[in-house]
């Protein structure tokens, strides 16, 4: 395959990736709103949509790696950079490549934000369950030493008569 054909194929893949990353960012924004609203039913459907979007991105990545292999370049980031230099010496695809990087960074930030919200809620639920069950191994027993009292270990002792 000559450089021009490779450049066209790579341009198509990068355009698809930019669109898919934009779609994923929208889905992650929507998930956050659903998490805040505690809309569990709609959240489950949104998570399925996110999985479909991730599947699209993985397919595009596989095609990009195949393109690198086809031209004898490694399938990692430096290999893609080498292929970009070879097939696009004028740098016409650099803008698309930068948009992909920005889109991926945005999706990572949104995913981290959603994850932080879920982790905070899980921690809260864990604490509430601990209060209800009385099994909070991380909480010290209030006593003469106040917060510095050693927590109960929950050991069972046996005695003989």
C-alpha atoms as a PDB file:
ATOM      1  CA  UNK A   1       0.000   0.000   0.000  1.00  0.00           C
ATOM      2  CA  UNK A   2       1.371   3.395  -0.864  1.00  0.00           C
ATOM      3  CA  UNK A   3       1.452   6.331   1.610  1.00  0.00           C
ATOM      4  CA  UNK A   4      -1.578   8.128   0.116  1.00  0.00           C
ATOM      5  CA  UNK A   5      -3.861   5.112   0.502  1.00  0.00           C
ATOM      6  CA  UNK A   6      -2.581   4.556   4.040  1.00  0.00           C
ATOM      7  CA  UNK A   7      -3.185   8.224   4.871  1.00  0.00           C
ATOM      8  CA  UNK A   8      -6.796   7.976   3.659  1.00  0.00           C
ATOM      9  CA  UNK A   9      -7.418   4.817   5.672  1.00  0.00           C
ATOM     10  CA  UNK A  10      -5.861   6.373   8.763  1.00  0.00           C
ATOM     11  CA  UNK A  11      -7.844   9.597   8.280  1.00  0.00           C
ATOM     12  CA  UNK A  12     -11.048   7.570   8.171  1.00  0.00           C
ATOM     13  CA  UNK A  13     -10.126   5.670  11.341  1.00  0.00           C
ATOM     14  CA  UNK A  14      -9.142   8.839  13.197  1.00  0.00           C
ATOM     15  CA  UNK A  15     -12.380  10.564  12.156  1.00  0.00           C
ATOM     16  CA  UNK A  16     -14.390   7.584  13.390  1.00  0.00           C
ATOM     17  CA  UNK A  17     -12.439   7.632  16.650  1.00  0.00           C
ATOM     18  CA  UNK A  18     -13.071  11.345  17.217  1.00  0.00           C
ATOM     19  CA  UNK A  19     -16.799  10.786  16.656  1.00  0.00           C
ATOM     20  CA  UNK A  20     -16.869   7.733  18.938  1.00  0.00           C
ATOM     21  CA  UNK A  21     -14.978   9.549  21.696  1.00  0.00           C
ATOM     22  CA  UNK A  22     -17.411  12.438  21.455  1.00  0.00           C
ATOM     23  CA  UNK A  23     -20.323  10.004  21.742  1.00  0.00           C
ATOM     24  CA  UNK A  24     -18.683   8.328  24.739  1.00  0.00           C
ATOM     25  CA  UNK A  25     -18.124  11.681  26.459  1.00  0.00           C
ATOM     26  CA  UNK A  26     -21.819  12.470  26.032  1.00  0.00           C
ATOM     27  CA  UNK A  27     -22.756   9.095  27.499  1.00  0.00           C
ATOM     28  CA  UNK A  28     -20.432   9.607  30.460  1.00  0.00           C
ATOM     29  CA  UNK A  29     -21.955  13.049  31.108  1.00  0.00           C
ATOM     30  CA  UNK A  30     -25.397  11.477  31.005  1.00  0.00           C
ATOM     31  CA  UNK A  31     -24.304   8.708  33.385  1.00  0.00           C
ATOM     32  CA  UNK A  32     -23.105  11.308  35.873  1.00  0.00           C
ATOM     33  CA  UNK A  33     -26.481  13.047  35.804  1.00  0.00           C
ATOM     34  CA  UNK A  34     -28.214   9.705  36.321  1.00  0.00           C
ATOM     35  CA  UNK A  35     -25.887   8.862  39.207  1.00  0.00           C
ATOM     36  CA  UNK A  36     -26.681  12.175  40.881  1.00  0.00           C
ATOM     37  CA  UNK A  37     -30.409  11.614  40.323  1.00  0.00           C
ATOM     38  CA  UNK A  38     -30.211   8.004  41.606  1.00  0.00           C
ATOM     39  CA  UNK A  39     -32.077   6.844  38.495  1.00  0.00           C
ATOM     40  CA  UNK A  40     -30.924   3.236  38.644  1.00  0.00           C
ATOM     41  CA  UNK A  41     -33.173   1.871  35.892  1.00  0.00           C
ATOM     42  CA  UNK A  42     -32.120   4.466  33.313  1.00  0.00           C
ATOM     43  CA  UNK A  43     -28.511   4.192  34.512  1.00  0.00           C
ATOM     44  CA  UNK A  44     -28.442   0.495  33.633  1.00  0.00           C
ATOM     45  CA  UNK A  45     -29.565   1.275  30.077  1.00  0.00           C
ATOM     46  CA  UNK A  46     -26.984   4.069  29.835  1.00  0.00           C
ATOM     47  CA  UNK A  47     -24.259   1.687  30.966  1.00  0.00           C
ATOM     48  CA  UNK A  48     -25.212  -0.706  28.182  1.00  0.00           C
ATOM     49  CA  UNK A  49     -24.961   2.157  25.674  1.00  0.00           C
ATOM     50  CA  UNK A  50     -21.527   3.009  27.085  1.00  0.00           C
ATOM     51  CA  UNK A  51     -20.402  -0.584  26.570  1.00  0.00           C
ATOM     52  CA  UNK A  52     -21.499  -0.420  22.923  1.00  0.00           C
ATOM     53  CA  UNK A  53     -19.537   2.829  22.470  1.00  0.00           C
ATOM     54  CA  UNK A  54     -16.473   1.241  24.052  1.00  0.00           C
ATOM     55  CA  UNK A  55     -16.852  -1.706  21.684  1.00  0.00           C
ATOM     56  CA  UNK A  56     -16.776   0.700  18.716  1.00  0.00           C
ATOM     57  CA  UNK A  57     -13.607   2.300  20.057  1.00  0.00           C
ATOM     58  CA  UNK A  58     -11.941  -1.084  20.515  1.00  0.00           C
ATOM     59  CA  UNK A  59     -12.850  -2.065  16.944  1.00  0.00           C
ATOM     60  CA  UNK A  60     -11.336   1.175  15.636  1.00  0.00           C
ATOM     61  CA  UNK A  61      -8.191   0.606  17.689  1.00  0.00           C
ATOM     62  CA  UNK A  62      -7.895  -2.940  16.307  1.00  0.00           C
ATOM     63  CA  UNK A  63      -8.197  -1.620  12.767  1.00  0.00           C
ATOM     64  CA  UNK A  64      -5.550   1.028  13.450  1.00  0.00           C
ATOM     65  CA  UNK A  65      -3.199  -1.616  14.852  1.00  0.00           C
ATOM     66  CA  UNK A  66      -3.814  -3.793  11.793  1.00  0.00           C
ATOM     67  CA  UNK A  67      -2.926  -0.846   9.588  1.00  0.00           C
ATOM     68  CA  UNK A  68       0.326  -0.383  11.514  1.00  0.00           C
ATOM     69  CA  UNK A  69       1.171  -4.090  11.203  1.00  0.00           C
ATOM     70  CA  UNK A  70       0.355  -4.046   7.485  1.00  0.00           C
ATOM     71  CA  UNK A  71       3.002  -1.362   6.979  1.00  0.00           C
ATOM     72  CA  UNK A  72       5.598  -2.963   9.233  1.00  0.00           C
ATOM     73  CA  UNK A  73       5.244  -0.555  12.142  1.00  0.00           C
ATOM     74  CA  UNK A  74       4.846  -1.533  15.786  1.00  0.00           C
ATOM     75  CA  UNK A  75       1.254  -1.388  17.036  1.00  0.00           C
ATOM     76  CA  UNK A  76       2.043   0.878  19.978  1.00  0.00           C
ATOM     77  CA  UNK A  77       2.010   4.681  20.138  1.00  0.00           C
ATOM     78  CA  UNK A  78       5.552   5.136  18.770  1.00  0.00           C
ATOM     79  CA  UNK A  79       4.647   2.813  15.885  1.00  0.00           C
ATOM     80  CA  UNK A  80       1.604   4.902  15.054  1.00  0.00           C
ATOM     81  CA  UNK A  81       3.732   8.048  15.196  1.00  0.00           C
ATOM     82  CA  UNK A  82       6.205   6.416  12.761  1.00  0.00           C
ATOM     83  CA  UNK A  83       3.388   5.530  10.403  1.00  0.00           C
ATOM     84  CA  UNK A  84       2.011   9.079  10.613  1.00  0.00           C
ATOM     85  CA  UNK A  85       5.418  10.466   9.645  1.00  0.00           C
ATOM     86  CA  UNK A  86       5.661   7.992   6.749  1.00  0.00           C
ATOM     87  CA  UNK A  87       2.175   8.349   5.291  1.00  0.00           C
ATOM     88  CA  UNK A  88       1.507  11.984   6.230  1.00  0.00           C
ATOM     89  CA  UNK A  89       4.772  13.925   5.943  1.00  0.00           C
ATOM     90  CA  UNK A  90       2.889  17.250   5.625  1.00  0.00           C
ATOM     91  CA  UNK A  91       1.093  16.647   8.941  1.00  0.00           C
ATOM     92  CA  UNK A  92      -2.444  16.912   7.590  1.00  0.00           C
ATOM     93  CA  UNK A  93      -3.638  14.274  10.079  1.00  0.00           C
ATOM     94  CA  UNK A  94      -2.001  15.842  13.129  1.00  0.00           C
ATOM     95  CA  UNK A  95      -5.175  17.793  13.928  1.00  0.00           C
ATOM     96  CA  UNK A  96      -7.277  14.608  13.918  1.00  0.00           C
ATOM     97  CA  UNK A  97      -4.674  12.820  16.018  1.00  0.00           C
ATOM     98  CA  UNK A  98      -4.678  15.690  18.539  1.00  0.00           C
ATOM     99  CA  UNK A  99      -8.495  15.633  18.618  1.00  0.00           C
ATOM    100  CA  UNK A 100      -8.358  11.912  19.430  1.00  0.00           C
ATOM    101  CA  UNK A 101      -5.954  12.566  22.284  1.00  0.00           C
ATOM    102  CA  UNK A 102      -8.113  15.387  23.634  1.00  0.00           C
ATOM    103  CA  UNK A 103     -11.252  13.261  23.344  1.00  0.00           C
ATOM    104  CA  UNK A 104      -9.611  10.362  25.158  1.00  0.00           C
ATOM    105  CA  UNK A 105      -8.416  12.685  27.922  1.00  0.00           C
ATOM    106  CA  UNK A 106     -11.897  14.147  28.288  1.00  0.00           C
ATOM    107  CA  UNK A 107     -13.439  10.661  28.515  1.00  0.00           C
ATOM    108  CA  UNK A 108     -10.869   9.642  31.136  1.00  0.00           C
ATOM    109  CA  UNK A 109     -11.695  12.736  33.223  1.00  0.00           C
ATOM    110  CA  UNK A 110     -15.438  12.100  32.981  1.00  0.00           C
ATOM    111  CA  UNK A 111     -14.984   8.438  33.854  1.00  0.00           C
ATOM    112  CA  UNK A 112     -12.827   9.369  36.863  1.00  0.00           C
ATOM    113  CA  UNK A 113     -15.483  11.864  37.983  1.00  0.00           C
ATOM    114  CA  UNK A 114     -18.187   9.191  37.752  1.00  0.00           C
ATOM    115  CA  UNK A 115     -15.948   6.718  39.560  1.00  0.00           C
ATOM    116  CA  UNK A 116     -15.289   9.172  42.383  1.00  0.00           C
ATOM    117  CA  UNK A 117     -19.016   9.705  42.863  1.00  0.00           C
ATOM    118  CA  UNK A 118     -19.676   5.955  42.916  1.00  0.00           C
ATOM    119  CA  UNK A 119     -16.785   5.367  45.347  1.00  0.00           C
ATOM    120  CA  UNK A 120     -18.052   8.089  47.694  1.00  0.00           C
ATOM    121  CA  UNK A 121     -21.546   6.609  47.659  1.00  0.00           C
ATOM    122  CA  UNK A 122     -20.184   3.114  48.269  1.00  0.00           C
ATOM    123  CA  UNK A 123     -18.174   4.385  51.233  1.00  0.00           C
ATOM    124  CA  UNK A 124     -21.265   6.066  52.648  1.00  0.00           C
ATOM    125  CA  UNK A 125     -23.372   2.931  52.217  1.00  0.00           C
ATOM    126  CA  UNK A 126     -20.602   0.891  53.824  1.00  0.00           C
ATOM    127  CA  UNK A 127     -20.624   3.224  56.826  1.00  0.00           C
ATOM    128  CA  UNK A 128     -24.406   3.122  57.130  1.00  0.00           C
ATOM    129  CA  UNK A 129     -24.415  -0.666  56.954  1.00  0.00           C
ATOM    130  CA  UNK A 130     -21.717  -0.759  59.610  1.00  0.00           C
ATOM    131  CA  UNK A 131     -23.843   1.359  61.915  1.00  0.00           C
ATOM    132  CA  UNK A 132     -26.904  -0.817  61.313  1.00  0.00           C
ATOM    133  CA  UNK A 133     -25.098  -4.107  61.815  1.00  0.00           C
ATOM    134  CA  UNK A 134     -22.779  -2.910  64.551  1.00  0.00           C
ATOM    135  CA  UNK A 135     -19.812  -4.348  62.660  1.00  0.00           C
ATOM    136  CA  UNK A 136     -17.499  -1.461  62.027  1.00  0.00           C
ATOM    137  CA  UNK A 137     -13.987  -2.869  62.412  1.00  0.00           C
ATOM    138  CA  UNK A 138     -12.434   0.403  61.295  1.00  0.00           C
ATOM    139  CA  UNK A 139     -14.194   2.494  63.952  1.00  0.00           C
ATOM    140  CA  UNK A 140     -12.608   2.682  67.378  1.00  0.00           C
ATOM    141  CA  UNK A 141     -14.691   1.950  70.417  1.00  0.00           C
ATOM    142  CA  UNK A 142     -15.496   5.047  72.360  1.00  0.00           C
ATOM    143  CA  UNK A 143     -13.981   4.844  75.817  1.00  0.00           C
ATOM    144  CA  UNK A 144     -11.654   6.557  78.258  1.00  0.00           C
ATOM    145  CA  UNK A 145      -9.165   7.201  75.477  1.00  0.00           C
ATOM    146  CA  UNK A 146     -11.872   8.599  73.199  1.00  0.00           C
ATOM    147  CA  UNK A 147     -10.962   8.226  69.509  1.00  0.00           C
ATOM    148  CA  UNK A 148      -7.628   6.632  70.415  1.00  0.00           C
ATOM    149  CA  UNK A 149      -9.154   3.514  71.917  1.00  0.00           C
ATOM    150  CA  UNK A 150      -8.161   0.310  70.190  1.00  0.00           C
ATOM    151  CA  UNK A 151     -10.851  -1.250  68.072  1.00  0.00           C
ATOM    152  CA  UNK A 152     -12.408  -4.505  69.160  1.00  0.00           C
ATOM    153  CA  UNK A 153     -10.813  -7.445  67.423  1.00  0.00           C
ATOM    154  CA  UNK A 154     -13.894  -9.622  67.524  1.00  0.00           C
ATOM    155  CA  UNK A 155     -12.097 -12.592  69.100  1.00  0.00           C
ATOM    156  CA  UNK A 156     -13.945 -15.448  70.716  1.00  0.00           C
ATOM    157  CA  UNK A 157     -12.496 -16.692  73.995  1.00  0.00           C
ATOM    158  CA  UNK A 158     -13.258 -20.073  75.477  1.00  0.00           C
ATOM    159  CA  UNK A 159     -13.131 -20.912  79.164  1.00  0.00           C
ATOM    160  CA  UNK A 160     -13.046 -24.248  80.894  1.00  0.00           C
ATOM    161  CA  UNK A 161     -14.928 -25.033  84.088  1.00  0.00           C
END
